[in-house]
Amino acid sequence: MLSKSDDSLLPRRRRRLLPWLWKLPLAFVLVTVLQVLALRFIDPPFTAFMAARQLEAWGQGDWGFRLAHDWRDLDRMAATLPVSLVAAEDQNFAAHHGFDLAAIEKAQAHNKKMTARAEKRGRPVTRLRGASTISQQVAKNLFLWQGQNRVSRWARKGLEVWYTLLIETLWPKSRILEVYANVAEFGDGVYGGQAAAVRFFNKDAARLGPAESARLAAVLPAPRRYNAANPGPYVQRRARWIQRQVGQLGGKAYLEAL
């Protein structure tokens, strides 16, 4: 039971805390803006997803697991690779401001149809479609975690929106694409186009051909399931489609327009 003196301390403590309550959101905004602004000029040596994968491996007792990652500037990799990523993942990349609303609507309609079909047949839902833009994927890879519970998912989604807006505001499109090409996972523990080119094709990213670039982009829906060096029928079909889309986007001219 609180004494009178203890009881009088409570309002005083609340008054001391009140000035900090409005400062916390301001501090969050300031820190995250500086964080994103710095990465416009500084190449990130690792990402949140890379750190999580390494910790996961160690948690499973795989002490010999090592990430493969080697940064390459956009002008030091074959132009076909970043354009293939756009063709595969986000063809409205140059036009949108971080979120592709049309793609979101299409994905929702598709997923609703797939869910209804699966329920009718009494089977698990498969072939769901995402609508994350390249900007959103950069935000997730760099700053966020992979949570499973509902609270964690909602918190992560809110931060994803915030970081995506910051990235789109503070970075040019060419920088967003450059970072994505260097942090995307192309195989288990293989991050970025240079590491993937060496691992799967034994060559530098600057020497990748159109078909090889398309195959790397084709595995992105599930890089730990598919293999760019030994593609199955799905990856082969998707890679051929990506190559056609690259031609329609304009190839190297697309990058120069960014």
Protein backbone atom coordinates (compact mmCIF):
# COMPACT_ATOMS: atom_id res chain seq x y z
CA MET A 1 0.00 0.00 0.00
CA LEU A 2 1.40 3.43 -0.99
CA SER A 3 1.97 6.06 1.65
CA LYS A 4 0.88 9.67 1.11
CA SER A 5 4.41 10.67 0.15
CA ASP A 6 4.67 7.76 -2.30
CA ASP A 7 1.28 8.59 -3.74
CA SER A 8 2.26 12.21 -4.38
CA LEU A 9 5.32 11.03 -6.30
CA LEU A 10 3.22 9.37 -9.01
CA PRO A 11 1.83 12.55 -10.65
CA ARG A 12 5.30 14.10 -10.41
CA ARG A 13 6.84 11.13 -12.22
CA ARG A 14 4.18 11.29 -14.90
CA ARG A 15 4.91 14.98 -15.44
CA ARG A 16 8.60 14.15 -15.88
CA LEU A 17 7.79 11.45 -18.43
CA LEU A 18 5.32 13.50 -20.49
CA PRO A 19 7.94 15.64 -22.29
CA TRP A 20 9.64 12.43 -23.45
CA LEU A 21 6.50 10.90 -24.91
CA TRP A 22 6.36 13.30 -27.86
CA LYS A 23 10.15 13.22 -28.24
CA LEU A 24 10.22 9.46 -28.86
CA PRO A 25 8.36 9.58 -32.22
CA LEU A 26 10.50 12.55 -33.23
CA ALA A 27 13.66 10.62 -32.36
CA PHE A 28 12.41 7.62 -34.34
CA VAL A 29 11.78 9.80 -37.41
CA LEU A 30 15.17 11.47 -37.12
CA VAL A 31 17.10 8.21 -36.66
CA THR A 32 15.37 6.40 -39.53
CA VAL A 33 15.73 9.37 -41.91
CA LEU A 34 19.46 9.59 -41.16
CA GLN A 35 19.74 5.81 -41.49
CA VAL A 36 18.18 5.75 -44.96
CA LEU A 37 19.95 8.91 -46.09
CA ALA A 38 23.34 7.46 -45.14
CA LEU A 39 22.67 4.32 -47.17
CA ARG A 40 22.08 6.42 -50.25
CA PHE A 41 25.85 6.96 -50.30
CA ILE A 42 27.23 4.07 -48.22
CA ASP A 43 27.01 0.53 -49.60
CA PRO A 44 25.50 -1.67 -46.86
CA PRO A 45 27.95 -4.44 -45.87
CA PHE A 46 25.07 -6.66 -44.71
CA THR A 47 21.30 -6.57 -44.21
CA ALA A 48 18.84 -7.61 -41.53
CA PHE A 49 17.90 -10.67 -43.62
CA MET A 50 21.55 -11.69 -43.98
CA ALA A 51 22.10 -11.40 -40.24
CA ALA A 52 18.95 -13.44 -39.58
CA ARG A 53 20.07 -16.20 -41.96
CA GLN A 54 23.50 -16.44 -40.34
CA LEU A 55 21.99 -16.58 -36.86
CA GLU A 56 19.52 -19.23 -38.05
CA ALA A 57 22.38 -21.41 -39.29
CA TRP A 58 24.30 -21.07 -36.05
CA GLY A 59 21.12 -21.79 -34.09
CA GLN A 60 20.84 -25.07 -36.01
CA GLY A 61 24.43 -25.95 -35.11
CA ASP A 62 25.82 -25.25 -38.58
CA TRP A 63 28.91 -23.38 -37.41
CA GLY A 64 30.59 -23.66 -40.80
CA PHE A 65 27.81 -21.80 -42.64
CA ARG A 66 29.04 -18.65 -44.37
CA LEU A 67 27.11 -16.07 -46.34
CA ALA A 68 28.24 -15.26 -49.88
CA HIS A 69 28.04 -11.54 -50.61
CA ASP A 70 30.25 -9.26 -52.71
CA TRP A 71 29.05 -5.76 -53.61
CA ARG A 72 29.15 -4.60 -57.23
CA ASP A 73 28.07 -1.14 -58.38
CA LEU A 74 25.40 -1.07 -61.05
CA ASP A 75 27.87 -0.08 -63.78
CA ARG A 76 30.12 -3.03 -62.89
CA MET A 77 27.50 -5.72 -63.54
CA ALA A 78 25.89 -6.77 -66.81
CA ALA A 79 22.93 -4.50 -67.55
CA THR A 80 20.83 -7.57 -68.26
CA LEU A 81 20.80 -8.52 -64.57
CA PRO A 82 19.12 -5.44 -63.02
CA VAL A 83 16.74 -5.14 -65.98
CA SER A 84 15.85 -8.84 -65.58
CA LEU A 85 15.06 -8.15 -61.92
CA VAL A 86 12.70 -5.36 -62.93
CA ALA A 87 11.10 -7.58 -65.59
CA ALA A 88 10.58 -10.40 -63.09
CA GLU A 89 9.62 -8.49 -59.97
CA ASP A 90 8.32 -5.00 -60.66
CA GLN A 91 7.70 -3.82 -64.22
CA ASN A 92 6.15 -0.56 -63.00
CA PHE A 93 9.28 0.20 -60.96
CA ALA A 94 10.17 3.40 -62.84
CA ALA A 95 6.64 4.81 -62.59
CA HIS A 96 5.38 4.07 -59.08
CA HIS A 97 6.36 5.77 -55.81
CA GLY A 98 7.02 2.65 -53.79
CA PHE A 99 3.68 0.87 -54.01
CA ASP A 100 2.02 -0.58 -57.11
CA LEU A 101 -1.68 -0.28 -56.33
CA ALA A 102 -2.78 -1.93 -59.57
CA ALA A 103 -0.56 -4.94 -58.86
CA ILE A 104 -1.92 -5.15 -55.30
CA GLU A 105 -5.50 -5.27 -56.60
CA LYS A 106 -4.63 -7.97 -59.14
CA ALA A 107 -2.83 -10.03 -56.48
CA GLN A 108 -5.78 -9.77 -54.09
CA ALA A 109 -8.22 -10.90 -56.79
CA HIS A 110 -5.94 -13.79 -57.78
CA ASN A 111 -5.39 -14.92 -54.17
CA LYS A 112 -9.12 -14.76 -53.42
CA LYS A 113 -9.77 -16.97 -56.44
CA MET A 114 -7.04 -19.45 -55.44
CA THR A 115 -8.30 -19.58 -51.84
CA ALA A 116 -11.88 -20.26 -52.93
CA ARG A 117 -10.72 -22.98 -55.33
CA ALA A 118 -8.58 -24.64 -52.64
CA GLU A 119 -11.42 -24.59 -50.10
CA LYS A 120 -13.79 -26.10 -52.64
CA ARG A 121 -11.38 -28.96 -53.29
CA GLY A 122 -10.43 -29.35 -49.62
CA ARG A 123 -6.75 -28.74 -50.34
CA PRO A 124 -4.13 -26.32 -48.96
CA VAL A 125 -3.92 -22.92 -50.65
CA THR A 126 -1.09 -22.75 -53.20
CA ARG A 127 0.09 -20.37 -55.91
CA LEU A 128 -0.64 -17.20 -53.96
CA ARG A 129 0.68 -14.05 -55.61
CA GLY A 130 2.53 -11.21 -53.93
CA ALA A 131 2.65 -7.58 -55.03
CA SER A 132 5.71 -6.20 -53.25
CA THR A 133 7.64 -3.68 -55.29
CA ILE A 134 11.43 -3.64 -55.52
CA SER A 135 11.42 -0.64 -53.15
CA GLN A 136 9.42 -2.62 -50.57
CA GLN A 137 11.75 -5.57 -50.89
CA VAL A 138 14.78 -3.34 -50.35
CA ALA A 139 13.13 -1.97 -47.19
CA LYS A 140 12.39 -5.47 -45.90
CA ASN A 141 15.84 -6.85 -46.69
CA LEU A 142 17.76 -3.95 -45.17
CA PHE A 143 15.83 -3.16 -42.03
CA LEU A 144 13.20 -5.72 -41.05
CA TRP A 145 12.82 -9.15 -39.50
CA GLN A 146 10.84 -12.25 -40.43
CA GLY A 147 8.21 -12.68 -37.72
CA GLN A 148 5.38 -15.20 -37.63
CA ASN A 149 2.88 -14.01 -35.01
CA ARG A 150 0.16 -11.51 -35.87
CA VAL A 151 1.52 -8.60 -33.79
CA SER A 152 4.96 -9.03 -35.30
CA ARG A 153 3.53 -9.13 -38.83
CA TRP A 154 1.54 -5.92 -38.36
CA ALA A 155 4.49 -4.11 -36.78
CA ARG A 156 6.74 -5.27 -39.60
CA LYS A 157 4.24 -4.17 -42.23
CA GLY A 158 3.98 -0.71 -40.72
CA LEU A 159 7.75 -0.30 -40.66
CA GLU A 160 7.95 -1.61 -44.22
CA VAL A 161 5.59 1.13 -45.40
CA TRP A 162 7.56 3.79 -43.53
CA TYR A 163 10.97 2.66 -44.80
CA THR A 164 9.65 2.28 -48.35
CA LEU A 165 8.42 5.88 -48.30
CA LEU A 166 11.79 7.07 -47.01
CA ILE A 167 13.70 5.10 -49.63
CA GLU A 168 11.55 6.41 -52.46
CA THR A 169 11.88 9.98 -51.15
CA LEU A 170 15.61 10.02 -50.40
CA TRP A 171 17.09 7.71 -53.06
CA PRO A 172 17.03 7.90 -56.85
CA LYS A 173 15.53 4.90 -58.64
CA SER A 174 18.96 3.82 -59.87
CA ARG A 175 20.21 3.54 -56.28
CA ILE A 176 17.17 1.51 -55.23
CA LEU A 177 17.77 -0.94 -58.07
CA GLU A 178 21.51 -1.07 -57.35
CA VAL A 179 20.92 -1.97 -53.71
CA TYR A 180 18.31 -4.56 -54.61
CA ALA A 181 20.64 -6.24 -57.11
CA ASN A 182 23.21 -6.49 -54.30
CA VAL A 183 21.04 -7.70 -51.41
CA ALA A 184 18.47 -10.00 -53.05
CA GLU A 185 18.90 -13.68 -52.15
CA PHE A 186 19.57 -15.88 -55.19
CA GLY A 187 20.28 -19.09 -53.30
CA ASP A 188 20.59 -20.24 -49.71
CA GLY A 189 22.98 -17.72 -48.19
CA VAL A 190 23.90 -16.27 -51.60
CA TYR A 191 23.16 -12.55 -51.67
CA GLY A 192 23.61 -10.15 -54.57
CA GLY A 193 24.31 -10.56 -58.26
CA GLN A 194 28.10 -10.86 -57.96
CA ALA A 195 28.04 -13.69 -55.41
CA ALA A 196 25.31 -15.44 -57.43
CA ALA A 197 27.23 -15.10 -60.71
CA VAL A 198 30.32 -16.67 -59.13
CA ARG A 199 28.39 -19.41 -57.28
CA PHE A 200 26.13 -20.54 -60.13
CA PHE A 201 28.03 -19.60 -63.29
CA ASN A 202 31.63 -19.27 -62.13
CA LYS A 203 32.01 -15.80 -63.61
CA ASP A 204 31.93 -12.12 -62.70
CA ALA A 205 28.57 -10.34 -62.71
CA ALA A 206 29.88 -8.09 -65.50
CA ARG A 207 30.09 -11.13 -67.80
CA LEU A 208 26.59 -12.50 -67.25
CA GLY A 209 24.64 -13.14 -70.45
CA PRO A 210 20.93 -12.43 -70.96
CA ALA A 211 19.91 -16.05 -70.34
CA GLU A 212 21.97 -16.32 -67.15
CA SER A 213 20.61 -13.03 -65.83
CA ALA A 214 17.07 -14.17 -66.57
CA ARG A 215 17.64 -17.45 -64.74
CA LEU A 216 18.90 -15.63 -61.65
CA ALA A 217 15.82 -13.40 -61.69
CA ALA A 218 13.58 -16.43 -62.26
CA VAL A 219 14.52 -18.09 -58.95
CA LEU A 220 13.60 -15.07 -56.81
CA PRO A 221 10.15 -16.28 -55.74
CA ALA A 222 11.88 -19.13 -53.89
CA PRO A 223 15.71 -18.91 -54.08
CA ARG A 224 16.23 -21.77 -51.65
CA ARG A 225 13.96 -24.04 -53.67
CA TYR A 226 15.12 -23.29 -57.21
CA ASN A 227 18.63 -23.37 -58.65
CA ALA A 228 19.79 -21.02 -61.41
CA ALA A 229 22.63 -23.35 -62.43
CA ASN A 230 20.37 -26.41 -62.77
CA PRO A 231 16.96 -24.97 -63.66
CA GLY A 232 13.89 -27.14 -63.77
CA PRO A 233 10.99 -26.66 -66.18
CA TYR A 234 9.43 -23.83 -64.15
CA VAL A 235 12.63 -21.75 -63.98
CA GLN A 236 13.32 -22.37 -67.67
CA ARG A 237 9.86 -21.19 -68.69
CA ARG A 238 10.01 -18.20 -66.40
CA ALA A 239 13.51 -17.26 -67.60
CA ARG A 240 12.39 -17.28 -71.24
CA TRP A 241 9.44 -15.06 -70.33
CA ILE A 242 11.76 -12.69 -68.43
CA GLN A 243 14.05 -12.38 -71.45
CA ARG A 244 11.12 -11.35 -73.61
CA GLN A 245 10.06 -8.78 -71.02
CA VAL A 246 13.59 -7.37 -70.85
CA GLY A 247 13.41 -6.73 -74.60
CA GLN A 248 10.10 -4.93 -74.22
CA LEU A 249 11.46 -2.78 -71.38
CA GLY A 250 14.33 -1.67 -73.60
CA GLY A 251 17.29 -3.55 -72.15
CA LYS A 252 20.27 -1.33 -71.28
CA ALA A 253 18.35 1.78 -72.40
CA TYR A 254 15.96 1.18 -69.51
CA LEU A 255 18.80 1.64 -67.02
CA GLU A 256 20.04 4.77 -68.74
CA ALA A 257 16.52 6.26 -68.53
CA LEU A 258 16.49 5.75 -64.75
